[in-house]
Every structure is written in structure tokens, then in C-alpha cells.
PDB file of N, CA and C in Angstrom:
ATOM      1  N   MET A   1      12.283   5.459  -7.064  1.00  0.00           N
ATOM      2  CA  MET A   1      12.497   4.249  -6.775  1.00  0.00           C
ATOM      3  C   MET A   1      12.144   3.269  -7.884  1.00  0.00           C
ATOM      4  N   ASN A   2      12.916   2.384  -8.362  1.00  0.00           N
ATOM      5  CA  ASN A   2      12.911   1.610  -9.463  1.00  0.00           C
ATOM      6  C   ASN A   2      11.699   0.525  -8.984  1.00  0.00           C
ATOM      7  N   THR A   3      11.025   0.087 -10.275  1.00  0.00           N
ATOM      8  CA  THR A   3       9.861  -1.008 -10.057  1.00  0.00           C
ATOM      9  C   THR A   3      10.342  -2.135  -9.118  1.00  0.00           C
ATOM     10  N   ILE A   4      11.515  -2.687  -9.585  1.00  0.00           N
ATOM     11  CA  ILE A   4      11.915  -3.855  -8.978  1.00  0.00           C
ATOM     12  C   ILE A   4      12.215  -3.884  -7.567  1.00  0.00           C
ATOM     13  N   THR A   5      12.851  -2.777  -7.034  1.00  0.00           N
ATOM     14  CA  THR A   5      13.230  -2.670  -5.621  1.00  0.00           C
ATOM     15  C   THR A   5      11.776  -2.043  -4.803  1.00  0.00           C
ATOM     16  N   LYS A   6      10.821  -1.620  -5.562  1.00  0.00           N
ATOM     17  CA  LYS A   6       9.676  -0.948  -5.122  1.00  0.00           C
ATOM     18  C   LYS A   6       8.662  -2.103  -4.774  1.00  0.00           C
ATOM     19  N   THR A   7       8.599  -3.243  -5.790  1.00  0.00           N
ATOM     20  CA  THR A   7       7.559  -4.285  -5.552  1.00  0.00           C
ATOM     21  C   THR A   7       8.279  -5.440  -4.796  1.00  0.00           C
ATOM     22  N   ALA A   8       9.445  -5.612  -4.559  1.00  0.00           N
ATOM     23  CA  ALA A   8       9.985  -6.807  -4.165  1.00  0.00           C
ATOM     24  C   ALA A   8      10.535  -6.572  -2.753  1.00  0.00           C
ATOM     25  N   GLU A   9      10.702  -7.603  -2.041  1.00  0.00           N
ATOM     26  CA  GLU A   9      11.469  -7.297  -0.521  1.00  0.00           C
ATOM     27  C   GLU A   9      12.522  -8.258  -0.417  1.00  0.00           C
ATOM     28  N   ILE A  10      13.527  -8.033   0.388  1.00  0.00           N
ATOM     29  CA  ILE A  10      14.540  -9.116   0.590  1.00  0.00           C
ATOM     30  C   ILE A  10      13.920 -10.311   1.175  1.00  0.00           C
ATOM     31  N   ARG A  11      14.054 -11.517   0.903  1.00  0.00           N
ATOM     32  CA  ARG A  11      13.592 -12.748   1.594  1.00  0.00           C
ATOM     33  C   ARG A  11      14.544 -13.323   2.210  1.00  0.00           C
ATOM     34  N   ASN A  12      16.052 -13.168   1.645  1.00  0.00           N
ATOM     35  CA  ASN A  12      16.999 -13.957   2.519  1.00  0.00           C
ATOM     36  C   ASN A  12      18.342 -13.310   1.713  1.00  0.00           C
ATOM     37  N   ILE A  13      19.375 -13.662   2.445  1.00  0.00           N
ATOM     38  CA  ILE A  13      20.783 -13.404   1.697  1.00  0.00           C
ATOM     39  C   ILE A  13      21.743 -14.684   2.070  1.00  0.00           C
ATOM     40  N   GLU A  14      22.630 -14.812   1.345  1.00  0.00           N
ATOM     41  CA  GLU A  14      23.580 -15.958   1.359  1.00  0.00           C
ATOM     42  C   GLU A  14      24.906 -15.378   0.863  1.00  0.00           C
ATOM     43  N   PHE A  15      25.968 -16.113   1.213  1.00  0.00           N
ATOM     44  CA  PHE A  15      27.252 -15.762   0.679  1.00  0.00           C
ATOM     45  C   PHE A  15      28.039 -16.885   0.024  1.00  0.00           C
ATOM     46  N   LEU A  16      28.472 -16.627  -1.230  1.00  0.00           N
ATOM     47  CA  LEU A  16      29.188 -17.598  -2.064  1.00  0.00           C
ATOM     48  C   LEU A  16      30.556 -17.880  -1.397  1.00  0.00           C
ATOM     49  N   ASN A  17      31.093 -16.952  -1.229  1.00  0.00           N
ATOM     50  CA  ASN A  17      32.452 -17.011  -0.778  1.00  0.00           C
ATOM     51  C   ASN A  17      32.738 -15.389   0.065  1.00  0.00           C
ATOM     52  N   SER A  18      33.906 -14.955   0.154  1.00  0.00           N
ATOM     53  CA  SER A  18      34.135 -13.728   0.920  1.00  0.00           C
ATOM     54  C   SER A  18      33.977 -12.633  -0.117  1.00  0.00           C
ATOM     55  N   SER A  19      33.754 -12.826  -1.324  1.00  0.00           N
ATOM     56  CA  SER A  19      33.614 -11.809  -2.363  1.00  0.00           C
ATOM     57  C   SER A  19      32.225 -11.475  -3.057  1.00  0.00           C
ATOM     58  N   ILE A  20      31.208 -12.685  -2.686  1.00  0.00           N
ATOM     59  CA  ILE A  20      29.914 -12.592  -3.162  1.00  0.00           C
ATOM     60  C   ILE A  20      28.806 -12.695  -2.178  1.00  0.00           C
ATOM     61  N   MET A  21      27.805 -11.921  -2.258  1.00  0.00           N
ATOM     62  CA  MET A  21      26.695 -12.126  -1.705  1.00  0.00           C
ATOM     63  C   MET A  21      25.510 -12.199  -2.429  1.00  0.00           C
ATOM     64  N   PHE A  22      24.489 -13.094  -2.220  1.00  0.00           N
ATOM     65  CA  PHE A  22      23.533 -13.094  -2.945  1.00  0.00           C
ATOM     66  C   PHE A  22      22.201 -12.747  -2.272  1.00  0.00           C
ATOM     67  N   VAL A  23      21.396 -11.509  -2.950  1.00  0.00           N
ATOM     68  CA  VAL A  23      20.170 -11.286  -2.234  1.00  0.00           C
ATOM     69  C   VAL A  23      19.183 -11.818  -3.003  1.00  0.00           C
ATOM     70  N   HIS A  24      18.323 -12.617  -2.190  1.00  0.00           N
ATOM     71  CA  HIS A  24      17.035 -13.242  -2.827  1.00  0.00           C
ATOM     72  C   HIS A  24      15.917 -12.306  -2.418  1.00  0.00           C
ATOM     73  N   LEU A  25      15.217 -12.187  -3.442  1.00  0.00           N
ATOM     74  CA  LEU A  25      13.836 -11.217  -3.376  1.00  0.00           C
ATOM     75  C   LEU A  25      12.726 -12.098  -3.289  1.00  0.00           C
ATOM     76  N   THR A  26      11.677 -11.528  -2.709  1.00  0.00           N
ATOM     77  CA  THR A  26      10.285 -12.076  -2.746  1.00  0.00           C
ATOM     78  C   THR A  26       9.656 -12.605  -4.046  1.00  0.00           C
ATOM     79  N   ASN A  27      10.109 -11.583  -5.090  1.00  0.00           N
ATOM     80  CA  ASN A  27       9.514 -11.934  -6.447  1.00  0.00           C
ATOM     81  C   ASN A  27      10.490 -13.103  -7.134  1.00  0.00           C
ATOM     82  N   ASP A  28      11.031 -13.846  -6.414  1.00  0.00           N
ATOM     83  CA  ASP A  28      11.902 -14.924  -7.001  1.00  0.00           C
ATOM     84  C   ASP A  28      13.312 -14.434  -7.812  1.00  0.00           C
ATOM     85  N   ARG A  29      13.529 -13.125  -7.733  1.00  0.00           N
ATOM     86  CA  ARG A  29      14.828 -12.602  -8.276  1.00  0.00           C
ATOM     87  C   ARG A  29      15.895 -12.719  -7.623  1.00  0.00           C
ATOM     88  N   THR A  30      17.132 -12.997  -7.816  1.00  0.00           N
ATOM     89  CA  THR A  30      18.336 -12.972  -6.988  1.00  0.00           C
ATOM     90  C   THR A  30      19.369 -11.964  -7.663  1.00  0.00           C
ATOM     91  N   PHE A  31      19.942 -11.228  -6.668  1.00  0.00           N
ATOM     92  CA  PHE A  31      20.953 -10.262  -7.187  1.00  0.00           C
ATOM     93  C   PHE A  31      22.410 -10.845  -6.636  1.00  0.00           C
ATOM     94  N   ILE A  32      23.355 -10.498  -7.514  1.00  0.00           N
ATOM     95  CA  ILE A  32      24.621 -11.072  -7.156  1.00  0.00           C
ATOM     96  C   ILE A  32      25.303  -9.570  -6.873  1.00  0.00           C
ATOM     97  N   VAL A  33      25.732  -9.423  -5.504  1.00  0.00           N
ATOM     98  CA  VAL A  33      26.254  -8.370  -5.148  1.00  0.00           C
ATOM     99  C   VAL A  33      27.803  -8.627  -4.749  1.00  0.00           C
ATOM    100  N   PRO A  34      28.663  -7.785  -5.556  1.00  0.00           N
ATOM    101  CA  PRO A  34      29.957  -8.105  -5.354  1.00  0.00           C
ATOM    102  C   PRO A  34      30.456  -7.405  -4.085  1.00  0.00           C
ATOM    103  N   LEU A  35      31.035  -7.930  -2.992  1.00  0.00           N
ATOM    104  CA  LEU A  35      31.358  -7.485  -1.792  1.00  0.00           C
ATOM    105  C   LEU A  35      32.522  -6.460  -1.978  1.00  0.00           C
ATOM    106  N   ASP A  36      33.432  -6.323  -2.979  1.00  0.00           N
ATOM    107  CA  ASP A  36      34.396  -5.431  -3.239  1.00  0.00           C
ATOM    108  C   ASP A  36      33.818  -3.755  -3.126  1.00  0.00           C
ATOM    109  N   GLN A  37      32.556  -3.866  -3.371  1.00  0.00           N
ATOM    110  CA  GLN A  37      31.914  -2.348  -3.203  1.00  0.00           C
ATOM    111  C   GLN A  37      31.418  -2.250  -1.862  1.00  0.00           C
ATOM    112  N   PHE A  38      31.453  -3.216  -0.824  1.00  0.00           N
ATOM    113  CA  PHE A  38      30.909  -2.994   0.471  1.00  0.00           C
ATOM    114  C   PHE A  38      31.977  -3.612   1.323  1.00  0.00           C
ATOM    115  N   LYS A  39      33.117  -3.018   1.519  1.00  0.00           N
ATOM    116  CA  LYS A  39      34.460  -3.456   2.194  1.00  0.00           C
ATOM    117  C   LYS A  39      33.932  -3.988   3.640  1.00  0.00           C
ATOM    118  N   ASP A  40      33.028  -3.091   4.341  1.00  0.00           N
ATOM    119  CA  ASP A  40      32.746  -3.445   5.724  1.00  0.00           C
ATOM    120  C   ASP A  40      32.056  -5.001   5.906  1.00  0.00           C
ATOM    121  N   ILE A  41      31.068  -5.080   4.886  1.00  0.00           N
ATOM    122  CA  ILE A  41      30.541  -6.501   4.884  1.00  0.00           C
ATOM    123  C   ILE A  41      31.483  -7.617   4.535  1.00  0.00           C
ATOM    124  N   LYS A  42      32.469  -7.207   3.461  1.00  0.00           N
ATOM    125  CA  LYS A  42      33.406  -8.227   2.971  1.00  0.00           C
ATOM    126  C   LYS A  42      34.190  -8.755   4.213  1.00  0.00           C
ATOM    127  N   ALA A  43      34.500  -7.689   5.082  1.00  0.00           N
ATOM    128  CA  ALA A  43      35.437  -8.011   6.133  1.00  0.00           C
ATOM    129  C   ALA A  43      34.957  -8.804   7.292  1.00  0.00           C
ATOM    130  N   LEU A  44      33.577  -9.011   7.339  1.00  0.00           N
ATOM    131  CA  LEU A  44      32.773  -9.873   8.466  1.00  0.00           C
ATOM    132  C   LEU A  44      33.490 -11.229   8.466  1.00  0.00           C
ATOM    133  N   THR A  45      33.384 -11.791   9.533  1.00  0.00           N
ATOM    134  CA  THR A  45      33.655 -13.425   9.623  1.00  0.00           C
ATOM    135  C   THR A  45      32.402 -14.056   8.993  1.00  0.00           C
ATOM    136  N   ALA A  46      32.527 -15.336   8.986  1.00  0.00           N
ATOM    137  CA  ALA A  46      31.500 -16.158   8.605  1.00  0.00           C
ATOM    138  C   ALA A  46      30.260 -16.113   9.605  1.00  0.00           C
ATOM    139  N   GLU A  47      30.630 -15.943  10.916  1.00  0.00           N
ATOM    140  CA  GLU A  47      29.643 -15.882  11.908  1.00  0.00           C
ATOM    141  C   GLU A  47      28.814 -14.601  11.966  1.00  0.00           C
ATOM    142  N   GLN A  48      29.599 -13.395  11.764  1.00  0.00           N
ATOM    143  CA  GLN A  48      29.180 -12.190  11.801  1.00  0.00           C
ATOM    144  C   GLN A  48      28.056 -12.062  10.492  1.00  0.00           C
ATOM    145  N   LYS A  49      28.549 -12.700   9.455  1.00  0.00           N
ATOM    146  CA  LYS A  49      27.566 -12.632   8.024  1.00  0.00           C
ATOM    147  C   LYS A  49      26.418 -13.255   8.525  1.00  0.00           C
ATOM    148  N   SER A  50      26.262 -14.241   9.251  1.00  0.00           N
ATOM    149  CA  SER A  50      25.109 -15.031   9.722  1.00  0.00           C
ATOM    150  C   SER A  50      24.148 -14.248  10.650  1.00  0.00           C
ATOM    151  N   GLU A  51      24.577 -13.230  11.246  1.00  0.00           N
ATOM    152  CA  GLU A  51      23.852 -12.305  11.966  1.00  0.00           C
ATOM    153  C   GLU A  51      23.423 -11.162  11.516  1.00  0.00           C
ATOM    154  N   PHE A  52      22.456 -11.217  10.649  1.00  0.00           N
ATOM    155  CA  PHE A  52      21.788  -9.983   9.986  1.00  0.00           C
ATOM    156  C   PHE A  52      20.366  -9.726  10.326  1.00  0.00           C
ATOM    157  N   GLU A  53      19.885  -8.565   9.973  1.00  0.00           N
ATOM    158  CA  GLU A  53      18.293  -8.258  10.117  1.00  0.00           C
ATOM    159  C   GLU A  53      17.890  -7.863   8.763  1.00  0.00           C
ATOM    160  N   ILE A  54      16.727  -8.323   8.264  1.00  0.00           N
ATOM    161  CA  ILE A  54      16.127  -7.534   7.266  1.00  0.00           C
ATOM    162  C   ILE A  54      15.064  -6.678   8.033  1.00  0.00           C
ATOM    163  N   ILE A  55      15.164  -5.220   7.601  1.00  0.00           N
ATOM    164  CA  ILE A  55      14.253  -4.472   8.193  1.00  0.00           C
ATOM    165  C   ILE A  55      13.129  -3.905   7.144  1.00  0.00           C
ATOM    166  N   ASP A  56      12.006  -4.050   7.461  1.00  0.00           N
ATOM    167  CA  ASP A  56      11.002  -3.466   6.520  1.00  0.00           C
ATOM    168  C   ASP A  56      10.958  -4.210   5.105  1.00  0.00           C
ATOM    169  N   GLY A  57      11.635  -5.188   5.087  1.00  0.00           N
ATOM    170  CA  GLY A  57      11.624  -5.729   3.743  1.00  0.00           C
ATOM    171  C   GLY A  57      12.768  -5.284   2.731  1.00  0.00           C
ATOM    172  N   THR A  58      13.032  -4.094   3.048  1.00  0.00           N
ATOM    173  CA  THR A  58      14.031  -3.424   2.012  1.00  0.00           C
ATOM    174  C   THR A  58      15.212  -2.916   2.668  1.00  0.00           C
ATOM    175  N   ASN A  59      15.504  -3.269   3.543  1.00  0.00           N
ATOM    176  CA  ASN A  59      16.907  -2.789   4.365  1.00  0.00           C
ATOM    177  C   ASN A  59      17.593  -3.951   4.951  1.00  0.00           C
ATOM    178  N   LEU A  60      18.733  -3.860   4.980  1.00  0.00           N
ATOM    179  CA  LEU A  60      19.692  -4.961   5.439  1.00  0.00           C
ATOM    180  C   LEU A  60      20.608  -4.486   6.335  1.00  0.00           C
ATOM    181  N   SER A  61      20.717  -5.091   7.597  1.00  0.00           N
ATOM    182  CA  SER A  61      21.667  -4.744   8.709  1.00  0.00           C
ATOM    183  C   SER A  61      22.378  -5.799   9.315  1.00  0.00           C
ATOM    184  N   PHE A  62      23.626  -5.612   9.754  1.00  0.00           N
ATOM    185  CA  PHE A  62      24.453  -6.801  10.182  1.00  0.00           C
ATOM    186  C   PHE A  62      24.616  -6.415  11.791  1.00  0.00           C
ATOM    187  N   LEU A  63      24.634  -7.011  12.618  1.00  0.00           N
ATOM    188  CA  LEU A  63      24.758  -6.681  13.924  1.00  0.00           C
ATOM    189  C   LEU A  63      26.166  -6.278  14.377  1.00  0.00           C
ATOM    190  N   ALA A  64      27.216  -6.672  13.455  1.00  0.00           N
ATOM    191  CA  ALA A  64      28.517  -6.262  13.772  1.00  0.00           C
ATOM    192  C   ALA A  64      28.909  -4.807  13.183  1.00  0.00           C
ATOM    193  N   ILE A  65      28.148  -4.425  12.101  1.00  0.00           N
ATOM    194  CA  ILE A  65      28.332  -3.038  11.572  1.00  0.00           C
ATOM    195  C   ILE A  65      27.021  -2.125  11.837  1.00  0.00           C
ATOM    196  N   ASP A  66      27.623  -0.811  12.119  1.00  0.00           N
ATOM    197  CA  ASP A  66      26.616   0.215  12.590  1.00  0.00           C
ATOM    198  C   ASP A  66      26.280   0.778  11.028  1.00  0.00           C
ATOM    199  N   GLU A  67      25.501   0.064  10.390  1.00  0.00           N
ATOM    200  CA  GLU A  67      25.136   0.572   8.992  1.00  0.00           C
ATOM    201  C   GLU A  67      24.063  -0.139   8.380  1.00  0.00           C
ATOM    202  N   VAL A  68      23.130   0.559   7.815  1.00  0.00           N
ATOM    203  CA  VAL A  68      21.845  -0.202   7.172  1.00  0.00           C
ATOM    204  C   VAL A  68      21.916   0.010   5.610  1.00  0.00           C
ATOM    205  N   TYR A  69      21.870  -0.933   5.050  1.00  0.00           N
ATOM    206  CA  TYR A  69      21.953  -1.023   3.532  1.00  0.00           C
ATOM    207  C   TYR A  69      20.558  -1.170   2.969  1.00  0.00           C
ATOM    208  N   SER A  70      20.165  -0.010   2.034  1.00  0.00           N
ATOM    209  CA  SER A  70      18.996  -0.375   1.316  1.00  0.00           C
ATOM    210  C   SER A  70      19.101  -1.347   0.199  1.00  0.00           C
ATOM    211  N   LEU A  71      17.941  -1.955  -0.233  1.00  0.00           N
ATOM    212  CA  LEU A  71      17.751  -2.614  -1.218  1.00  0.00           C
ATOM    213  C   LEU A  71      18.372  -1.996  -2.597  1.00  0.00           C
ATOM    214  N   SER A  72      18.038  -0.780  -2.924  1.00  0.00           N
ATOM    215  CA  SER A  72      18.426   0.055  -3.937  1.00  0.00           C
ATOM    216  C   SER A  72      19.892   0.084  -3.932  1.00  0.00           C
ATOM    217  N   GLU A  73      20.605   0.400  -2.754  1.00  0.00           N
ATOM    218  CA  GLU A  73      21.902   0.539  -2.675  1.00  0.00           C
ATOM    219  C   GLU A  73      22.833  -0.778  -2.967  1.00  0.00           C
ATOM    220  N   LEU A  74      22.217  -1.985  -2.379  1.00  0.00           N
ATOM    221  CA  LEU A  74      22.910  -3.252  -2.659  1.00  0.00           C
ATOM    222  C   LEU A  74      22.749  -3.711  -4.024  1.00  0.00           C
ATOM    223  N   THR A  75      21.773  -3.486  -4.708  1.00  0.00           N
ATOM    224  CA  THR A  75      21.372  -3.911  -6.285  1.00  0.00           C
ATOM    225  C   THR A  75      22.006  -2.928  -7.057  1.00  0.00           C
ATOM    226  N   GLY A  76      22.168  -1.523  -6.664  1.00  0.00           N
ATOM    227  CA  GLY A  76      22.627  -0.559  -7.660  1.00  0.00           C
ATOM    228  C   GLY A  76      21.481  -0.128  -8.477  1.00  0.00           C
ATOM    229  N   ILE A  77      20.298  -0.315  -8.067  1.00  0.00           N
ATOM    230  CA  ILE A  77      19.089   0.020  -8.841  1.00  0.00           C
ATOM    231  C   ILE A  77      18.510   1.359  -8.023  1.00  0.00           C
ATOM    232  N   GLU A  78      18.319   2.470  -8.695  1.00  0.00           N
ATOM    233  CA  GLU A  78      17.603   3.386  -7.898  1.00  0.00           C
ATOM    234  C   GLU A  78      16.448   3.862  -8.485  1.00  0.00           C
TER     235      GLU A  78
END
């Protein structure tokens, strides 16, 4: 696991539009995640996107999707 994802945790997420998600980390970094790589997240409604859970600081889950995304997976840093 990379140092960036090992020492930082997900603080919050937000969506710019239906194509971009920002992942805000506890170390004050923000990653821009193109949702073309995560079609199931992209397909969520605005309400569904607001219903998410941060698990152990390093995983993200949406109530409407039966999938857990790791910080490494979202940022592309392994």
C-alpha cells in the first residue's frame, strides 16, 4: 500500500457533476475521481450519492450499491 493511502483516511466526498467525484482526505489532499471508471457510482441519483458510508477511514460504500471501494482503488494508487 502506498504511503498516501496508508497514512490518510477519507474525510468526505462530494460530487461536482455526474462525472466527477472528489475524495477529501484527512491529510488535506483531495483526489479527483473520474466516474467513467466507476459506472455504478456514476449511475446513482443525487440522493443515492448522498447516502454513503466511510468504513474504517479507507473504504467507501453507497447504500444503493452492494460494493465497497477502497481508497487505493478510488485513487488508482496501490
